[in-house]
Amino acid sequence: MVKAFNHIAAADITADARPGGESNRRALVAASDSDEGLEFVRRLYDRFGFDTVALNPLSEGWRIQRDTPGYGAKASEAELVEALAAAKRYGDLG
């Protein structure tokens, strides 16, 4: 099981896609307990025009849900890694 595509609007999948190697390429998160699943999604993201930030284990997938810094962010890989680190659980907000 892989948590993927939950933090990008459908229209942004075509609008934000960029060829590999471009400096402004957007990154997306894939969270899973499975290295094989993460690799499958990494290849899929790359074909769609996005870099991947792998998040392991799957239980860390909360870091890319609604109301977290990375959710919906048009961010590079480095920016998205920072956003994941800054994420707070709902119970810790307030």
Protein backbone atom coordinates (compact mmCIF):
# COMPACT_ATOMS: atom_id res chain seq x y z
CA MET A 1 0.00 0.00 0.00
CA VAL A 2 1.27 3.47 -0.92
CA LYS A 3 -0.21 6.83 0.00
CA ALA A 4 0.25 8.98 -3.09
CA PHE A 5 -1.42 11.78 -5.07
CA ASN A 6 -3.48 12.93 -2.05
CA HIS A 7 -1.84 16.34 -1.85
CA ILE A 8 -2.07 17.61 -5.43
CA ALA A 9 -5.16 18.93 -7.21
CA ALA A 10 -6.13 16.94 -10.31
CA ALA A 11 -5.66 19.95 -12.61
CA ASP A 12 -2.14 20.50 -11.23
CA ILE A 13 -1.04 17.05 -12.41
CA THR A 14 -1.00 18.29 -16.00
CA ALA A 15 -0.29 21.97 -15.30
CA ASP A 16 2.75 21.45 -13.05
CA ALA A 17 4.45 18.52 -14.79
CA ARG A 18 8.06 19.19 -15.88
CA PRO A 19 10.77 17.10 -17.55
CA GLY A 20 13.36 15.48 -15.31
CA GLY A 21 16.34 17.62 -14.43
CA GLU A 22 14.51 20.96 -14.48
CA SER A 23 15.38 23.10 -11.48
CA ASN A 24 11.76 24.10 -10.83
CA ARG A 25 10.34 20.57 -10.92
CA ARG A 26 7.63 19.98 -8.34
CA ALA A 27 7.98 17.09 -5.91
CA LEU A 28 5.27 14.84 -4.50
CA VAL A 29 5.31 12.55 -1.47
CA ALA A 30 4.83 8.80 -1.53
CA ALA A 31 4.44 7.11 1.87
CA SER A 32 4.66 3.35 2.32
CA ASP A 33 6.10 0.43 4.26
CA SER A 34 6.99 -1.19 0.95
CA ASP A 35 10.21 -0.32 -0.90
CA GLU A 36 8.73 -1.94 -4.02
CA GLY A 37 5.60 0.18 -3.73
CA LEU A 38 7.63 3.36 -3.27
CA GLU A 39 9.74 2.53 -6.32
CA PHE A 40 6.61 1.89 -8.41
CA VAL A 41 5.17 5.30 -7.44
CA ARG A 42 8.56 7.02 -7.92
CA ARG A 43 8.65 5.76 -11.52
CA LEU A 44 5.01 6.79 -12.03
CA TYR A 45 5.61 10.29 -10.61
CA ASP A 46 8.68 10.66 -12.82
CA ARG A 47 6.70 9.67 -15.93
CA PHE A 48 4.03 12.22 -14.96
CA GLY A 49 6.70 14.92 -14.51
CA PHE A 50 7.37 15.08 -10.77
CA ASP A 51 10.18 14.31 -8.34
CA THR A 52 9.49 12.05 -5.37
CA VAL A 53 10.00 12.43 -1.64
CA ALA A 54 9.72 8.95 -0.15
CA LEU A 55 8.23 8.77 3.32
CA ASN A 56 8.74 5.58 5.26
CA PRO A 57 6.96 4.07 7.13
CA LEU A 58 3.38 4.50 5.92
CA SER A 59 2.36 5.60 9.43
CA GLU A 60 4.25 8.86 8.74
CA GLY A 61 1.78 9.64 5.94
CA TRP A 62 -0.01 12.03 8.32
CA ARG A 63 2.77 14.50 7.48
CA ILE A 64 1.14 15.13 4.08
CA GLN A 65 -2.52 15.49 4.99
CA ARG A 66 -4.76 18.55 4.90
CA ASP A 67 -3.57 21.45 7.08
CA THR A 68 0.11 20.43 7.00
CA PRO A 69 2.75 22.66 5.36
CA GLY A 70 3.38 20.29 2.43
CA TYR A 71 -0.26 19.65 1.55
CA GLY A 72 -0.95 21.22 -1.85
CA ALA A 73 2.39 23.02 -1.82
CA LYS A 74 4.06 23.58 -5.16
CA ALA A 75 7.46 22.71 -3.74
CA SER A 76 10.78 21.30 -4.86
CA GLU A 77 12.12 18.13 -3.28
CA ALA A 78 14.19 20.08 -0.72
CA GLU A 79 11.27 22.38 0.14
CA LEU A 80 8.92 19.44 0.56
CA VAL A 81 11.36 17.65 2.88
CA GLU A 82 11.39 20.82 5.05
CA ALA A 83 7.60 20.99 5.00
CA LEU A 84 7.31 17.36 6.11
CA ALA A 85 9.69 18.02 9.00
CA ALA A 86 7.60 21.03 10.07
CA ALA A 87 4.28 19.13 10.02
CA LYS A 88 2.33 18.91 13.27
CA ARG A 89 -0.31 16.33 14.11
CA TYR A 90 -3.86 17.68 14.42
CA GLY A 91 -3.81 17.01 18.16
CA ASP A 92 -0.67 19.15 18.51
CA LEU A 93 -2.18 22.18 16.73
CA GLY A 94 -3.69 24.82 18.80
